[in-house]
Amino acid sequence: MTRVEVDEPRLGLRERKKLMTRQAILDTAHEMFGERGYDNVTVAEIADAVNIAAKTVFVYFPSKEDLVFCGEEEMRERVLARIRGRAPGETPLAAMGSLMRELMAESGDQVVLDLQRWRRMMGDSGVLQSRMRLHWERLEDALAALLSDEAGEGRHAPQPRVAAAQLTLVFRLMASDEVLGYVRAHPEQAQRAALEDWLDSMLGMMGGGTGGYRRR
């Protein structure tokens, strides 16, 4: 869940109140979505729970789905910055793996619970599934543009696009039902390690190539 800072001393009282209201809307929306499902919660109900008018929600968030994807652009920029600023000798795939570990570390012991909350909030909503696909497409396009520029190749060159698709797949799978199912199959005390094992296996498989996988 995206947090906002409300104690920045350089901000005035009005700005701090706006940040607090924005975070209250997010917290309330995410809690209600997690409990009842996105499609079963209205903006009016969220506004009522925060004690504001429904139209005030749209002052902070242009659409209902923005309550779920409020940090989309910031996360995309973080991914691009990590790939762009990778160390000499570090591959884009290694940089993406490093970023995923950073994100897991930021969640700490709550990383599995955070993943479970996210999947509950997404549920089976067609609106959110469509928005998620758009999110992955935008990320892949941005990565492909970055990598093709680095390589001095055209935007339709195969290698930057395939690499971008694989990098996006790392991010997509780590937020998927498949990963959550794998993690849940392990005892609670082993679930964090299972999540890390999935990431390591995925990176190893991509890094080694899949051309010879399961050859008969």
Foldseek 3Di string as FASTA:
>chain_A
DDADDLVDVVDDPVVSVVNVLLVLLLVQLLVCCLVPNLVVDDLCNSCVVSVHHSVVNCVNPVDSCCSLVVCLVVVLVVLVCQQVPPDVPDHSLNSLLVVVVVVCVVCPLCSLVVLSSSCSSQDPDPVNVVVVVVSLVVSLLVQLVSVCVVVVHDSPDPPSSVVSNLSSVLVVVLSDPVLSVQLVVDPSVCSVVSSVVVSVVSSVDVVVDCPCPPPD
